[in-house]
């Protein structure tokens, strides 16, 4: 039997609205590994692709934010299950993207799977941590509860193509937001493959939308978009972050500025700050009422 068969190369596509379109512009760009070897042609998204992703994210927001926190946790856990089943593929892609040995890439992928599980466990607990009953002087219940901000544009880290990506996307959707994600410009392939996992993991289409291409080109229309409620600038350099923050002020977007990653890198305990960054606090007053002639209340 001849072993001279042609290789079947993987075609990488965007993930928008639960579907896998090519860029409407028809553009692609070459992705290479750390040694300059060609890996694939990735779609080079356009401003129109970015706008389409916002439309998809807004359409999905009502259903996702309205789902129970427990259900969102189940869906995030399912993502971890699906990633575990495709572990070898992601180990290979992360090794190529970041120039890591297979063992180090495996540790990165395992940490990313564990991070999905970690955030899955937080979906129905974060409200108890940051919400609560407030003491007030009067016959009222005063309750504060967190609610999702809305559509969040996420600039994924440039260097950490997978663990860093998961670390900025998972907390956004765990709390009920929807996301438009700009993948690492130089290493987008793990992010585009993540779209395939999300499509088969019970996550409703449009909750996460993944674009590849030039970060600055895609981030500019998202920062100024009137239907984007918040932006995470993790993957922007200082000059771009300043420019985007000015654009984001036009409709008072919540902005998460780039933060230095500590010595443990993205593997460090993430804490809760990435979840609380894109939550709004709703406070409700309700009269307690009176019981009986004594005037006692509950």
Foldseek 3Di string as FASTA:
>chain_A
DDPPDDDDADDFFWAAQLDGDAAPVPDWDFAFFPVRHTRYTYHAHAQVLLVRLLVSQQVCQVVLQPDALLVLLQLLLLLLVLCVVVLVVQLVLQCRHQVHDSVVSSVLSVLLSVVSNVLSVCLNPVQVVPWAWDDDPAQKTKTKGKGFQEEEEEEFAQNRQGLSRSLQLNLNSSRRYAYEYEGRANRNVSVSVSSVSSSPRPNRGSSYTYHYHDRLRNLQCQLQPLSHQAYECQHPDPVSQVVSVVNNPVNDHQYHYHDDADPVGSSPDSPNVSNVSGIDMDMDMDGQDADDPVRHTD
